[in-house]
Amino acid sequence: MNSARLDATFAALADPTRRAILARLALGEASVGELTEPFAMSQPAISKHLKVLELAGLISRGRDAQRRPCRIEAAPLADANAWLEEYRQLWETRFANLDALLEELKAAEKKPVRRKSRPS
């Protein structure tokens, strides 16, 4: 997994507008005009967000006569997911170990404590 590509992916995903654009593109390709509609920002501002997404490899732009549809690209998201998955597995293992320790402590609390009897 390329570190620079992963950095670009996470940097692009850090912005809520770009995440919203990706969510829209997950439904199917769209033109810049169609992507601009739900946002209270100009088309040049959306184009800047699209450029960041394109440089990160998260989207690609096609050519269909005058229309340049944008489409989502899955590979960088799959790479980011694979990176995150390693940490998810690590934390699941640690939580499982913590659960086991807590169960041991609960079981130890329930056992009656035997005191030594004192000679009279």
C-alpha atoms as a PDB file:
ATOM      1  CA  MET A   1       0.000   0.000   0.000  1.00  0.00           C
ATOM      2  CA  ASN A   2       1.489   3.312  -1.112  1.00  0.00           C
ATOM      3  CA  SER A   3       1.837   5.722   1.824  1.00  0.00           C
ATOM      4  CA  ALA A   4       1.502   8.860  -0.326  1.00  0.00           C
ATOM      5  CA  ARG A   5      -1.689   7.521  -1.897  1.00  0.00           C
ATOM      6  CA  LEU A   6      -3.098   6.663   1.525  1.00  0.00           C
ATOM      7  CA  ASP A   7      -2.216  10.159   2.781  1.00  0.00           C
ATOM      8  CA  ALA A   8      -3.967  11.726  -0.224  1.00  0.00           C
ATOM      9  CA  THR A   9      -7.029   9.540   0.322  1.00  0.00           C
ATOM     10  CA  PHE A  10      -7.400  10.472   3.983  1.00  0.00           C
ATOM     11  CA  ALA A  11      -6.707  14.157   3.258  1.00  0.00           C
ATOM     12  CA  ALA A  12      -9.435  14.147   0.604  1.00  0.00           C
ATOM     13  CA  LEU A  13     -11.857  12.352   2.930  1.00  0.00           C
ATOM     14  CA  ALA A  14     -11.216  14.874   5.714  1.00  0.00           C
ATOM     15  CA  ASP A  15     -13.583  17.381   4.119  1.00  0.00           C
ATOM     16  CA  PRO A  16     -17.349  16.857   4.567  1.00  0.00           C
ATOM     17  CA  THR A  17     -18.156  18.340   1.141  1.00  0.00           C
ATOM     18  CA  ARG A  18     -15.860  15.856  -0.564  1.00  0.00           C
ATOM     19  CA  ARG A  19     -17.375  12.988   1.424  1.00  0.00           C
ATOM     20  CA  ALA A  20     -20.839  14.156   0.344  1.00  0.00           C
ATOM     21  CA  ILE A  21     -19.681  14.268  -3.282  1.00  0.00           C
ATOM     22  CA  LEU A  22     -18.383  10.699  -2.980  1.00  0.00           C
ATOM     23  CA  ALA A  23     -21.681   9.610  -1.421  1.00  0.00           C
ATOM     24  CA  ARG A  24     -23.511  11.084  -4.397  1.00  0.00           C
ATOM     25  CA  LEU A  25     -21.150   9.438  -6.875  1.00  0.00           C
ATOM     26  CA  ALA A  26     -21.656   6.092  -5.129  1.00  0.00           C
ATOM     27  CA  LEU A  27     -25.179   6.254  -6.589  1.00  0.00           C
ATOM     28  CA  GLY A  28     -23.856   6.724 -10.122  1.00  0.00           C
ATOM     29  CA  GLU A  29     -21.876   9.098 -12.276  1.00  0.00           C
ATOM     30  CA  ALA A  30     -22.788  12.785 -12.359  1.00  0.00           C
ATOM     31  CA  SER A  31     -21.710  15.984 -14.090  1.00  0.00           C
ATOM     32  CA  VAL A  32     -20.119  18.908 -12.237  1.00  0.00           C
ATOM     33  CA  GLY A  33     -23.416  20.791 -12.571  1.00  0.00           C
ATOM     34  CA  GLU A  34     -25.338  17.908 -11.015  1.00  0.00           C
ATOM     35  CA  LEU A  35     -22.811  17.699  -8.187  1.00  0.00           C
ATOM     36  CA  THR A  36     -23.070  21.459  -7.542  1.00  0.00           C
ATOM     37  CA  GLU A  37     -26.876  21.453  -7.106  1.00  0.00           C
ATOM     38  CA  PRO A  38     -27.163  20.283  -3.466  1.00  0.00           C
ATOM     39  CA  PHE A  39     -24.436  22.610  -2.189  1.00  0.00           C
ATOM     40  CA  ALA A  40     -24.566  26.299  -1.362  1.00  0.00           C
ATOM     41  CA  MET A  41     -21.333  26.960  -3.247  1.00  0.00           C
ATOM     42  CA  SER A  42     -20.246  27.916  -6.715  1.00  0.00           C
ATOM     43  CA  GLN A  43     -19.331  25.541  -9.490  1.00  0.00           C
ATOM     44  CA  PRO A  44     -15.653  26.648  -9.330  1.00  0.00           C
ATOM     45  CA  ALA A  45     -15.614  25.767  -5.612  1.00  0.00           C
ATOM     46  CA  ILE A  46     -17.041  22.313  -6.340  1.00  0.00           C
ATOM     47  CA  SER A  47     -14.502  21.938  -9.144  1.00  0.00           C
ATOM     48  CA  LYS A  48     -11.700  22.527  -6.626  1.00  0.00           C
ATOM     49  CA  HIS A  49     -13.099  19.741  -4.439  1.00  0.00           C
ATOM     50  CA  LEU A  50     -13.343  17.491  -7.477  1.00  0.00           C
ATOM     51  CA  LYS A  51      -9.703  18.219  -8.320  1.00  0.00           C
ATOM     52  CA  VAL A  52      -8.633  17.091  -4.829  1.00  0.00           C
ATOM     53  CA  LEU A  53     -10.705  13.921  -5.183  1.00  0.00           C
ATOM     54  CA  GLU A  54      -9.274  13.306  -8.654  1.00  0.00           C
ATOM     55  CA  LEU A  55      -5.660  13.809  -7.519  1.00  0.00           C
ATOM     56  CA  ALA A  56      -6.289  11.322  -4.698  1.00  0.00           C
ATOM     57  CA  GLY A  57      -7.596   8.851  -7.289  1.00  0.00           C
ATOM     58  CA  LEU A  58     -11.017   8.738  -5.633  1.00  0.00           C
ATOM     59  CA  ILE A  59     -12.841   9.886  -8.763  1.00  0.00           C
ATOM     60  CA  SER A  60     -12.233   9.908 -12.481  1.00  0.00           C
ATOM     61  CA  ARG A  61     -13.738  12.102 -15.161  1.00  0.00           C
ATOM     62  CA  GLY A  62     -14.924  10.776 -18.466  1.00  0.00           C
ATOM     63  CA  ARG A  63     -15.840  12.521 -21.674  1.00  0.00           C
ATOM     64  CA  ASP A  64     -19.286  12.182 -23.198  1.00  0.00           C
ATOM     65  CA  ALA A  65     -19.605  14.838 -25.936  1.00  0.00           C
ATOM     66  CA  GLN A  66     -19.858  18.131 -24.013  1.00  0.00           C
ATOM     67  CA  ARG A  67     -20.491  16.370 -20.719  1.00  0.00           C
ATOM     68  CA  ARG A  68     -17.619  15.275 -18.461  1.00  0.00           C
ATOM     69  CA  PRO A  69     -19.212  12.841 -16.019  1.00  0.00           C
ATOM     70  CA  CYS A  70     -17.451  12.080 -12.758  1.00  0.00           C
ATOM     71  CA  ARG A  71     -17.423   8.572 -11.339  1.00  0.00           C
ATOM     72  CA  ILE A  72     -16.177   7.137  -8.083  1.00  0.00           C
ATOM     73  CA  GLU A  73     -13.070   4.949  -8.103  1.00  0.00           C
ATOM     74  CA  ALA A  74     -13.067   2.158  -5.543  1.00  0.00           C
ATOM     75  CA  ALA A  75      -9.359   1.243  -5.327  1.00  0.00           C
ATOM     76  CA  PRO A  76      -8.191   4.061  -3.003  1.00  0.00           C
ATOM     77  CA  LEU A  77     -11.164   3.459  -0.699  1.00  0.00           C
ATOM     78  CA  ALA A  78     -10.358  -0.258  -0.651  1.00  0.00           C
ATOM     79  CA  ASP A  79      -6.750   0.549   0.274  1.00  0.00           C
ATOM     80  CA  ALA A  80      -7.886   2.848   3.097  1.00  0.00           C
ATOM     81  CA  ASN A  81     -10.304   0.175   4.309  1.00  0.00           C
ATOM     82  CA  ALA A  82      -7.530  -2.456   4.294  1.00  0.00           C
ATOM     83  CA  TRP A  83      -5.309  -0.150   6.344  1.00  0.00           C
ATOM     84  CA  LEU A  84      -8.110   0.502   8.839  1.00  0.00           C
ATOM     85  CA  GLU A  85      -8.973  -3.200   8.974  1.00  0.00           C
ATOM     86  CA  GLU A  86      -5.532  -4.020  10.382  1.00  0.00           C
ATOM     87  CA  TYR A  87      -6.204  -1.693  13.299  1.00  0.00           C
ATOM     88  CA  ARG A  88      -9.755  -2.962  13.760  1.00  0.00           C
ATOM     89  CA  GLN A  89      -8.415  -6.487  14.149  1.00  0.00           C
ATOM     90  CA  LEU A  90      -5.773  -5.284  16.611  1.00  0.00           C
ATOM     91  CA  TRP A  91      -8.384  -3.527  18.758  1.00  0.00           C
ATOM     92  CA  GLU A  92     -10.800  -6.451  18.589  1.00  0.00           C
ATOM     93  CA  THR A  93      -8.046  -8.715  19.924  1.00  0.00           C
ATOM     94  CA  ARG A  94      -7.260  -6.267  22.718  1.00  0.00           C
ATOM     95  CA  PHE A  95     -10.931  -5.903  23.639  1.00  0.00           C
ATOM     96  CA  ALA A  96     -11.334  -9.692  23.661  1.00  0.00           C
ATOM     97  CA  ASN A  97      -8.354  -9.950  26.027  1.00  0.00           C
ATOM     98  CA  LEU A  98      -9.853  -7.248  28.245  1.00  0.00           C
ATOM     99  CA  ASP A  99     -13.206  -9.073  28.272  1.00  0.00           C
ATOM    100  CA  ALA A 100     -11.466 -12.289  29.329  1.00  0.00           C
ATOM    101  CA  LEU A 101      -9.640 -10.479  32.131  1.00  0.00           C
ATOM    102  CA  LEU A 102     -12.870  -8.873  33.354  1.00  0.00           C
ATOM    103  CA  GLU A 103     -14.587 -12.269  33.392  1.00  0.00           C
ATOM    104  CA  GLU A 104     -11.689 -13.670  35.455  1.00  0.00           C
ATOM    105  CA  LEU A 105     -11.984 -10.809  37.922  1.00  0.00           C
ATOM    106  CA  LYS A 106     -15.761 -11.277  38.212  1.00  0.00           C
ATOM    107  CA  ALA A 107     -15.301 -15.002  38.813  1.00  0.00           C
ATOM    108  CA  ALA A 108     -12.649 -14.311  41.457  1.00  0.00           C
ATOM    109  CA  GLU A 109     -15.004 -11.865  43.227  1.00  0.00           C
ATOM    110  CA  LYS A 110     -17.747 -14.478  43.437  1.00  0.00           C
ATOM    111  CA  LYS A 111     -15.550 -17.123  45.071  1.00  0.00           C
ATOM    112  CA  PRO A 112     -15.886 -17.093  48.858  1.00  0.00           C
ATOM    113  CA  VAL A 113     -12.738 -16.079  50.650  1.00  0.00           C
ATOM    114  CA  ARG A 114     -11.514 -18.792  53.023  1.00  0.00           C
ATOM    115  CA  ARG A 115     -10.001 -17.465  56.157  1.00  0.00           C
ATOM    116  CA  LYS A 116      -7.600 -19.426  58.234  1.00  0.00           C
ATOM    117  CA  SER A 117      -9.037 -20.351  61.549  1.00  0.00           C
ATOM    118  CA  ARG A 118      -7.171 -19.141  64.578  1.00  0.00           C
ATOM    119  CA  PRO A 119      -6.229 -21.546  67.308  1.00  0.00           C
ATOM    120  CA  SER A 120      -8.174 -20.847  70.505  1.00  0.00           C
END
